[in-house]
Amino acid sequence: MGGRGSISFTGYETRSRGNFNFERKPVARLNRGNAGGGASEEQSVERFRQQFRDEEYEYSVYMDKYGYMHGLGTSHNPHTTKVTPRKYIKTTDEPKSMLHNHPGDKQTGYGGTFSFADMSFLGSSYGTSKGVVNTIYATSPEGTYRAVIKGRRAPSQKEIRGAYNRAKKLTTDKKYRSYKGMWEAAHNNLSDEMKKIGIEMSFNRDTSFKPRKRK
């Protein structure tokens, strides 16, 4: 698309992931409603999204197969979060997913899809956990993004970087008539490229989300 009133995509957020100098916080409020057998994965993820959708900063947490959250961490930054090292998480059921929130940006209101740092973290976590941690979520005002490694091995960092760069090239240097169209293209292009290296992505939209109007 192009022409008058079009929008240019300037790139995916440059978010980073750290696993040092972490800040551990209580997760009791995230686990409310899990008593008596836990909650479904979808229920727990949505609870996390609702509790952090209006936060200014990113937060991260691990989730086990019963929907319980472990090791909430943050770096008090809107574009990055520290992740609690798995060795500090004491549970009989090793967490298989990492969740974090993408705060809505001031221009569009969207939190956006995964960054290279997100995909890099997923790949390295899959390797160091010997395949246990195979899923990452990014919750945002517009909905929830999910990425899962489907193959028997983790894609290499080189493969992830290549897929990310191809998606960015496809999305950048184009014109969009709406923020919705721009972010959908960003997610779809990234999803297509990551699928080629064994990472499947999906997006569960919040139909009540209203993007900010263009100025």
Protein backbone atom coordinates (compact mmCIF):
# COMPACT_ATOMS: atom_id res chain seq x y z
CA MET A 1 0.00 0.00 0.00
CA GLY A 2 1.07 3.58 -0.37
CA GLY A 3 -0.11 7.05 -1.15
CA ARG A 4 -1.42 9.82 1.01
CA GLY A 5 -1.73 9.10 4.69
CA SER A 6 0.36 5.95 4.59
CA ILE A 7 2.50 4.68 7.47
CA SER A 8 6.05 3.37 7.31
CA PHE A 9 7.15 0.43 9.43
CA THR A 10 10.39 1.42 11.14
CA GLY A 11 11.31 -2.00 12.48
CA TYR A 12 10.60 -4.46 15.24
CA GLU A 13 11.28 -3.33 18.78
CA THR A 14 14.88 -3.86 19.85
CA ARG A 15 14.18 -5.67 23.08
CA SER A 16 16.79 -7.51 25.06
CA ARG A 17 16.73 -10.39 27.50
CA GLY A 18 18.99 -10.76 30.51
CA ASN A 19 19.38 -13.43 33.15
CA PHE A 20 21.57 -11.62 35.65
CA ASN A 21 21.01 -9.20 38.55
CA PHE A 22 17.40 -10.33 38.44
CA GLU A 23 14.68 -9.12 40.75
CA ARG A 24 12.48 -11.86 42.17
CA LYS A 25 8.98 -10.81 43.15
CA PRO A 26 6.01 -12.59 44.69
CA VAL A 27 3.83 -14.39 42.16
CA ALA A 28 0.87 -15.14 44.43
CA ARG A 29 -1.42 -12.71 42.63
CA LEU A 30 -0.64 -14.40 39.32
CA ASN A 31 -1.59 -17.80 40.71
CA ARG A 32 -4.96 -16.82 42.14
CA GLY A 33 -7.60 -19.11 40.74
CA ASN A 34 -5.22 -22.05 40.33
CA ALA A 35 -6.17 -23.76 43.58
CA GLY A 36 -7.73 -27.18 43.27
CA GLY A 37 -5.82 -28.53 40.30
CA GLY A 38 -4.43 -25.53 38.47
CA ALA A 39 -5.70 -23.64 35.46
CA SER A 40 -5.49 -24.19 31.73
CA GLU A 41 -2.58 -22.69 29.85
CA GLU A 42 -4.90 -20.23 28.11
CA GLN A 43 -6.50 -19.09 31.39
CA SER A 44 -3.15 -18.50 33.06
CA VAL A 45 -1.71 -16.61 30.10
CA GLU A 46 -4.78 -14.37 29.90
CA ARG A 47 -4.58 -13.69 33.65
CA PHE A 48 -0.97 -12.59 33.18
CA ARG A 49 -1.95 -10.41 30.21
CA GLN A 50 -4.75 -8.68 32.07
CA GLN A 51 -2.59 -7.97 35.11
CA PHE A 52 0.24 -6.45 33.06
CA ARG A 53 -1.50 -4.95 30.03
CA ASP A 54 -1.37 -1.40 31.41
CA GLU A 55 2.11 -1.64 32.93
CA GLU A 56 4.76 0.76 31.71
CA TYR A 57 7.55 -1.81 32.06
CA GLU A 58 8.19 -5.34 30.87
CA TYR A 59 7.91 -8.27 33.27
CA SER A 60 8.77 -11.94 32.79
CA VAL A 61 7.71 -15.18 34.42
CA TYR A 62 7.94 -18.93 33.84
CA MET A 63 4.84 -21.13 33.67
CA ASP A 64 4.59 -24.85 34.38
CA LYS A 65 2.19 -27.33 32.74
CA TYR A 66 -0.45 -26.70 35.41
CA GLY A 67 -0.57 -22.99 34.71
CA TYR A 68 1.35 -21.93 37.82
CA MET A 69 3.72 -18.95 37.49
CA HIS A 70 7.26 -18.90 38.88
CA GLY A 71 10.08 -16.37 39.21
CA LEU A 72 8.58 -13.00 38.30
CA GLY A 73 11.31 -10.59 37.23
CA THR A 74 11.74 -7.14 35.70
CA SER A 75 14.38 -4.55 34.88
CA HIS A 76 11.93 -1.61 35.16
CA ASN A 77 12.34 -0.83 31.46
CA PRO A 78 9.61 -0.61 28.78
CA HIS A 79 11.67 -2.46 26.16
CA THR A 80 13.54 -5.13 28.11
CA THR A 81 13.12 -7.48 31.03
CA LYS A 82 15.41 -9.66 33.07
CA VAL A 83 14.49 -13.32 33.37
CA THR A 84 14.97 -15.29 36.58
CA PRO A 85 17.56 -18.04 36.03
CA ARG A 86 15.83 -21.42 35.97
CA LYS A 87 18.14 -22.77 38.68
CA TYR A 88 16.40 -20.49 41.20
CA ILE A 89 12.93 -21.81 40.39
CA LYS A 90 11.99 -24.46 42.93
CA THR A 91 9.16 -26.63 41.64
CA THR A 92 8.63 -30.34 41.02
CA ASP A 93 7.28 -29.61 37.54
CA GLU A 94 9.89 -27.86 35.45
CA PRO A 95 8.45 -24.80 33.66
CA LYS A 96 8.08 -25.23 29.91
CA SER A 97 7.04 -21.69 28.95
CA MET A 98 8.31 -18.16 29.47
CA LEU A 99 5.84 -15.28 29.46
CA HIS A 100 6.52 -11.57 29.26
CA ASN A 101 4.50 -8.48 28.41
CA HIS A 102 5.03 -5.95 25.63
CA PRO A 103 3.73 -2.57 26.84
CA GLY A 104 1.74 -0.60 24.27
CA ASP A 105 3.77 2.14 22.62
CA LYS A 106 2.69 5.75 22.92
CA GLN A 107 2.16 6.25 19.19
CA THR A 108 0.08 3.23 18.18
CA GLY A 109 -1.02 1.56 21.43
CA TYR A 110 0.29 -1.77 20.13
CA GLY A 111 2.80 -3.89 22.03
CA GLY A 112 3.81 -5.71 18.88
CA THR A 113 5.05 -9.15 17.98
CA PHE A 114 8.28 -10.88 19.03
CA SER A 115 11.68 -9.22 18.79
CA PHE A 116 14.92 -10.89 17.76
CA ALA A 117 15.88 -11.03 21.46
CA ASP A 118 12.67 -12.96 22.18
CA MET A 119 13.37 -15.53 19.49
CA SER A 120 17.02 -15.76 20.50
CA PHE A 121 16.01 -16.40 24.11
CA LEU A 122 13.61 -19.15 23.03
CA GLY A 123 16.28 -20.87 20.98
CA SER A 124 18.94 -20.74 23.67
CA SER A 125 16.50 -21.78 26.43
CA TYR A 126 15.41 -24.80 24.42
CA GLY A 127 19.03 -25.86 24.14
CA THR A 128 20.09 -25.29 27.74
CA SER A 129 16.93 -26.94 29.13
CA LYS A 130 17.38 -29.94 26.80
CA GLY A 131 14.05 -29.27 25.14
CA VAL A 132 11.97 -28.61 28.26
CA VAL A 133 11.45 -24.87 27.66
CA ASN A 134 9.96 -24.80 24.17
CA THR A 135 7.41 -21.97 24.28
CA ILE A 136 7.47 -18.20 24.69
CA TYR A 137 4.55 -15.80 25.02
CA ALA A 138 4.42 -12.05 24.54
CA THR A 139 1.24 -10.50 25.92
CA SER A 140 0.19 -7.07 24.72
CA PRO A 141 -2.79 -4.72 24.72
CA GLU A 142 -3.90 -6.11 21.33
CA GLY A 143 -3.67 -9.77 22.34
CA THR A 144 -1.20 -12.60 22.92
CA TYR A 145 1.62 -13.80 20.69
CA ARG A 146 2.89 -17.38 21.05
CA ALA A 147 5.95 -19.12 19.59
CA VAL A 148 6.75 -22.84 19.94
CA ILE A 149 9.76 -24.84 18.78
CA LYS A 150 8.35 -27.84 16.95
CA GLY A 151 11.48 -29.61 15.79
CA ARG A 152 13.75 -31.97 17.69
CA ARG A 153 16.53 -29.42 17.85
CA ALA A 154 16.69 -25.74 18.56
CA PRO A 155 17.34 -23.49 15.58
CA SER A 156 20.82 -21.98 15.73
CA GLN A 157 21.29 -18.31 16.55
CA LYS A 158 22.45 -17.83 12.96
CA GLU A 159 19.20 -19.35 11.64
CA ILE A 160 17.11 -17.21 13.97
CA ARG A 161 18.98 -14.05 12.99
CA GLY A 162 18.56 -14.89 9.30
CA ALA A 163 14.81 -15.50 9.63
CA TYR A 164 14.38 -12.32 11.65
CA ASN A 165 16.30 -10.21 9.13
CA ARG A 166 14.30 -11.60 6.20
CA ALA A 167 11.04 -10.77 7.99
CA LYS A 168 12.25 -7.28 8.82
CA LYS A 169 13.22 -6.67 5.18
CA LEU A 170 9.80 -7.80 4.00
CA THR A 171 8.04 -5.49 6.44
CA THR A 172 10.23 -2.40 6.33
CA ASP A 173 10.23 0.00 3.36
CA LYS A 174 6.52 -0.52 2.77
CA LYS A 175 3.59 1.80 3.38
CA TYR A 176 0.55 0.91 5.48
CA ARG A 177 -2.76 2.70 5.81
CA SER A 178 -3.32 1.69 9.42
CA TYR A 179 -1.37 0.63 12.50
CA LYS A 180 -3.41 -2.57 12.51
CA GLY A 181 -2.30 -3.42 8.99
CA MET A 182 1.30 -2.57 9.79
CA TRP A 183 1.52 -4.76 12.88
CA GLU A 184 -0.36 -7.60 11.23
CA ALA A 185 2.16 -7.57 8.39
CA ALA A 186 5.03 -7.49 10.88
CA HIS A 187 3.68 -10.52 12.72
CA ASN A 188 2.72 -12.49 9.62
CA ASN A 189 6.09 -11.97 7.93
CA LEU A 190 7.95 -12.97 11.07
CA SER A 191 5.69 -16.00 11.50
CA ASP A 192 6.30 -17.15 7.92
CA GLU A 193 10.07 -16.88 8.23
CA MET A 194 10.29 -18.51 11.66
CA LYS A 195 8.19 -21.44 10.46
CA LYS A 196 10.92 -22.23 7.93
CA ILE A 197 13.35 -22.95 10.78
CA GLY A 198 10.97 -24.91 13.01
CA ILE A 199 9.34 -22.21 15.13
CA GLU A 200 5.55 -21.92 14.86
CA MET A 201 3.95 -18.63 15.82
CA SER A 202 0.32 -17.69 16.49
CA PHE A 203 -1.65 -14.67 17.66
CA ASN A 204 -4.81 -14.57 19.79
CA ARG A 205 -6.43 -11.18 19.21
CA ASP A 206 -8.28 -9.16 21.86
CA THR A 207 -11.30 -8.00 19.89
CA SER A 208 -11.98 -5.23 22.42
CA PHE A 209 -8.62 -3.55 21.74
CA LYS A 210 -8.83 -0.08 20.20
CA PRO A 211 -5.61 1.22 18.56
CA ARG A 212 -4.68 4.84 18.97
CA LYS A 213 -5.88 7.11 16.18
CA ARG A 214 -3.35 8.44 13.73
CA LYS A 215 -2.43 12.07 14.11
